[in-house]
């Protein structure tokens, strides 16, 4: 069982920056492809960003491209999401997710492709 714990969420004004972290319980974290998703009230869970097990490949939703950066530190079993130039429409609960078996250096952007999820961290951006 992989446990994922997100942190770093908060309330801030538009234009600000925030860094989310996702700590994994397993030493095999370095073999997992990882992703960030978000869910606003009354909406489906949407893809935000993904990173391959090595960190060599990344992929972003169009809505965050150029503003958000996904990264990982396999030595610390931690995934990050640096969020800059935040907008009110970025307000959501942010979830990290782990995919246990990945092929090559692939990234994944569909919710059903992931095996484990964190509990989420709230990000609220005011205008």
C-alpha atoms as a PDB file:
ATOM      1  CA  UNK A   1       0.000   0.000   0.000  1.00  0.00           C
ATOM      2  CA  UNK A   2       1.453   3.329  -1.068  1.00  0.00           C
ATOM      3  CA  UNK A   3       0.580   6.325   1.052  1.00  0.00           C
ATOM      4  CA  UNK A   4       0.743   9.788  -0.464  1.00  0.00           C
ATOM      5  CA  UNK A   5       0.484  12.921   1.654  1.00  0.00           C
ATOM      6  CA  UNK A   6       0.090  16.333   0.044  1.00  0.00           C
ATOM      7  CA  UNK A   7       1.005  19.593   1.740  1.00  0.00           C
ATOM      8  CA  UNK A   8       1.598  23.221   0.894  1.00  0.00           C
ATOM      9  CA  UNK A   9      -1.876  24.364   0.005  1.00  0.00           C
ATOM     10  CA  UNK A  10      -3.312  27.649   1.210  1.00  0.00           C
ATOM     11  CA  UNK A  11      -5.117  30.886   0.534  1.00  0.00           C
ATOM     12  CA  UNK A  12      -3.451  33.573  -1.533  1.00  0.00           C
ATOM     13  CA  UNK A  13      -4.132  36.401  -3.953  1.00  0.00           C
ATOM     14  CA  UNK A  14      -4.055  36.181  -7.710  1.00  0.00           C
ATOM     15  CA  UNK A  15      -0.570  36.483  -9.144  1.00  0.00           C
ATOM     16  CA  UNK A  16       1.041  34.744  -6.206  1.00  0.00           C
ATOM     17  CA  UNK A  17       3.047  31.537  -6.039  1.00  0.00           C
ATOM     18  CA  UNK A  18       2.759  28.332  -4.086  1.00  0.00           C
ATOM     19  CA  UNK A  19       4.656  25.049  -3.978  1.00  0.00           C
ATOM     20  CA  UNK A  20       2.837  21.834  -3.264  1.00  0.00           C
ATOM     21  CA  UNK A  21       4.605  18.730  -1.997  1.00  0.00           C
ATOM     22  CA  UNK A  22       3.592  15.097  -2.046  1.00  0.00           C
ATOM     23  CA  UNK A  23       5.482  12.734   0.241  1.00  0.00           C
ATOM     24  CA  UNK A  24       5.376   9.023  -0.576  1.00  0.00           C
ATOM     25  CA  UNK A  25       5.722   6.263   1.971  1.00  0.00           C
ATOM     26  CA  UNK A  26       7.531   3.790  -0.231  1.00  0.00           C
ATOM     27  CA  UNK A  27      11.213   3.615  -1.082  1.00  0.00           C
ATOM     28  CA  UNK A  28      10.169   2.383  -4.509  1.00  0.00           C
ATOM     29  CA  UNK A  29       8.823   5.888  -5.207  1.00  0.00           C
ATOM     30  CA  UNK A  30      11.604   6.316  -7.754  1.00  0.00           C
ATOM     31  CA  UNK A  31       9.988   3.690  -9.977  1.00  0.00           C
ATOM     32  CA  UNK A  32       6.548   5.355 -10.049  1.00  0.00           C
ATOM     33  CA  UNK A  33       5.228   7.716 -12.662  1.00  0.00           C
ATOM     34  CA  UNK A  34       3.498  10.547 -10.805  1.00  0.00           C
ATOM     35  CA  UNK A  35       0.859  13.125 -11.498  1.00  0.00           C
ATOM     36  CA  UNK A  36      -1.012  16.103 -10.103  1.00  0.00           C
ATOM     37  CA  UNK A  37      -4.746  16.534 -10.551  1.00  0.00           C
ATOM     38  CA  UNK A  38      -7.231  19.061  -9.206  1.00  0.00           C
ATOM     39  CA  UNK A  39     -10.920  19.176  -8.483  1.00  0.00           C
ATOM     40  CA  UNK A  40     -13.002  22.298  -8.101  1.00  0.00           C
ATOM     41  CA  UNK A  41     -16.399  22.197  -6.330  1.00  0.00           C
ATOM     42  CA  UNK A  42     -19.022  20.583  -8.508  1.00  0.00           C
ATOM     43  CA  UNK A  43     -16.541  19.620 -11.206  1.00  0.00           C
ATOM     44  CA  UNK A  44     -14.691  16.516 -12.257  1.00  0.00           C
ATOM     45  CA  UNK A  45     -11.123  15.800 -11.280  1.00  0.00           C
ATOM     46  CA  UNK A  46      -8.875  17.285 -13.960  1.00  0.00           C
ATOM     47  CA  UNK A  47      -5.336  16.565 -14.999  1.00  0.00           C
ATOM     48  CA  UNK A  48      -2.740  19.221 -14.140  1.00  0.00           C
ATOM     49  CA  UNK A  49       0.751  17.800 -14.677  1.00  0.00           C
ATOM     50  CA  UNK A  50       2.622  14.507 -14.917  1.00  0.00           C
ATOM     51  CA  UNK A  51       6.199  13.334 -14.611  1.00  0.00           C
ATOM     52  CA  UNK A  52       7.913  10.090 -15.524  1.00  0.00           C
ATOM     53  CA  UNK A  53       9.667   7.865 -13.016  1.00  0.00           C
ATOM     54  CA  UNK A  54      13.059   9.356 -13.896  1.00  0.00           C
ATOM     55  CA  UNK A  55      11.869  12.934 -14.120  1.00  0.00           C
ATOM     56  CA  UNK A  56      13.038  13.020 -17.706  1.00  0.00           C
ATOM     57  CA  UNK A  57       9.581  13.495 -19.177  1.00  0.00           C
ATOM     58  CA  UNK A  58       6.901  15.938 -18.101  1.00  0.00           C
ATOM     59  CA  UNK A  59       3.503  16.900 -19.457  1.00  0.00           C
ATOM     60  CA  UNK A  60       1.107  19.727 -18.587  1.00  0.00           C
ATOM     61  CA  UNK A  61      -2.475  20.680 -19.098  1.00  0.00           C
ATOM     62  CA  UNK A  62      -2.790  23.643 -21.454  1.00  0.00           C
ATOM     63  CA  UNK A  63      -4.371  25.708 -18.680  1.00  0.00           C
ATOM     64  CA  UNK A  64      -1.204  25.577 -16.539  1.00  0.00           C
ATOM     65  CA  UNK A  65       1.538  25.331 -19.144  1.00  0.00           C
ATOM     66  CA  UNK A  66       4.171  27.990 -18.586  1.00  0.00           C
ATOM     67  CA  UNK A  67       2.942  28.723 -15.049  1.00  0.00           C
ATOM     68  CA  UNK A  68       3.283  25.399 -13.221  1.00  0.00           C
ATOM     69  CA  UNK A  69       6.316  23.138 -12.945  1.00  0.00           C
ATOM     70  CA  UNK A  70       6.263  19.524 -11.805  1.00  0.00           C
ATOM     71  CA  UNK A  71       9.404  17.983 -10.378  1.00  0.00           C
ATOM     72  CA  UNK A  72      10.499  15.154  -8.134  1.00  0.00           C
ATOM     73  CA  UNK A  73      13.264  14.293  -5.721  1.00  0.00           C
ATOM     74  CA  UNK A  74      13.598  10.526  -5.707  1.00  0.00           C
ATOM     75  CA  UNK A  75      16.118  10.629  -2.863  1.00  0.00           C
ATOM     76  CA  UNK A  76      13.457  12.252  -0.681  1.00  0.00           C
ATOM     77  CA  UNK A  77      10.487  10.277  -2.038  1.00  0.00           C
ATOM     78  CA  UNK A  78       8.795  13.591  -2.785  1.00  0.00           C
ATOM     79  CA  UNK A  79       6.890  15.090  -5.686  1.00  0.00           C
ATOM     80  CA  UNK A  80       6.495  18.849  -6.142  1.00  0.00           C
ATOM     81  CA  UNK A  81       4.286  21.258  -8.013  1.00  0.00           C
ATOM     82  CA  UNK A  82       5.551  24.827  -8.275  1.00  0.00           C
ATOM     83  CA  UNK A  83       2.651  27.104  -9.118  1.00  0.00           C
ATOM     84  CA  UNK A  84       3.310  30.653 -10.296  1.00  0.00           C
ATOM     85  CA  UNK A  85       1.057  33.436 -11.566  1.00  0.00           C
ATOM     86  CA  UNK A  86      -1.905  31.847  -9.856  1.00  0.00           C
ATOM     87  CA  UNK A  87      -5.407  32.722 -11.022  1.00  0.00           C
ATOM     88  CA  UNK A  88      -8.785  32.433  -9.286  1.00  0.00           C
ATOM     89  CA  UNK A  89      -9.649  29.609 -11.685  1.00  0.00           C
ATOM     90  CA  UNK A  90      -6.779  27.592 -10.185  1.00  0.00           C
ATOM     91  CA  UNK A  91      -8.817  27.276  -6.993  1.00  0.00           C
ATOM     92  CA  UNK A  92      -9.341  23.572  -6.265  1.00  0.00           C
ATOM     93  CA  UNK A  93      -8.320  20.642  -4.149  1.00  0.00           C
ATOM     94  CA  UNK A  94      -5.031  19.358  -5.551  1.00  0.00           C
ATOM     95  CA  UNK A  95      -4.251  15.647  -5.498  1.00  0.00           C
ATOM     96  CA  UNK A  96      -1.079  13.750  -6.237  1.00  0.00           C
ATOM     97  CA  UNK A  97      -1.249  10.277  -7.715  1.00  0.00           C
ATOM     98  CA  UNK A  98       1.123   7.369  -8.296  1.00  0.00           C
ATOM     99  CA  UNK A  99       1.227   4.834 -11.097  1.00  0.00           C
ATOM    100  CA  UNK A 100       3.114   1.745 -10.004  1.00  0.00           C
ATOM    101  CA  UNK A 101       3.970   0.245 -13.372  1.00  0.00           C
ATOM    102  CA  UNK A 102       5.092   2.565 -16.109  1.00  0.00           C
ATOM    103  CA  UNK A 103       6.657   1.845 -19.450  1.00  0.00           C
ATOM    104  CA  UNK A 104       9.817   3.439 -20.681  1.00  0.00           C
ATOM    105  CA  UNK A 105       9.878   7.066 -19.528  1.00  0.00           C
ATOM    106  CA  UNK A 106       6.190   7.627 -20.095  1.00  0.00           C
ATOM    107  CA  UNK A 107       3.835  10.119 -18.518  1.00  0.00           C
ATOM    108  CA  UNK A 108       0.133   9.573 -17.852  1.00  0.00           C
ATOM    109  CA  UNK A 109      -2.735  12.045 -17.761  1.00  0.00           C
ATOM    110  CA  UNK A 110      -5.882   9.986 -17.208  1.00  0.00           C
ATOM    111  CA  UNK A 111      -7.227   9.452 -13.704  1.00  0.00           C
ATOM    112  CA  UNK A 112      -7.888   5.752 -14.266  1.00  0.00           C
ATOM    113  CA  UNK A 113      -4.242   5.127 -15.111  1.00  0.00           C
ATOM    114  CA  UNK A 114      -3.163   5.884 -11.548  1.00  0.00           C
ATOM    115  CA  UNK A 115      -3.150   3.366  -8.724  1.00  0.00           C
ATOM    116  CA  UNK A 116      -2.868   5.452  -5.568  1.00  0.00           C
ATOM    117  CA  UNK A 117      -4.064   8.903  -4.542  1.00  0.00           C
ATOM    118  CA  UNK A 118      -3.368  11.329  -1.751  1.00  0.00           C
ATOM    119  CA  UNK A 119      -6.058  12.980   0.352  1.00  0.00           C
ATOM    120  CA  UNK A 120      -5.667  16.346  -1.343  1.00  0.00           C
ATOM    121  CA  UNK A 121      -4.679  19.858  -0.312  1.00  0.00           C
ATOM    122  CA  UNK A 122      -6.831  22.950  -0.808  1.00  0.00           C
ATOM    123  CA  UNK A 123      -5.587  25.859  -2.902  1.00  0.00           C
ATOM    124  CA  UNK A 124      -7.709  28.995  -2.902  1.00  0.00           C
ATOM    125  CA  UNK A 125      -6.810  31.978  -5.076  1.00  0.00           C
ATOM    126  CA  UNK A 126      -8.678  35.219  -4.512  1.00  0.00           C
ATOM    127  CA  UNK A 127      -9.067  37.941  -7.116  1.00  0.00           C
END
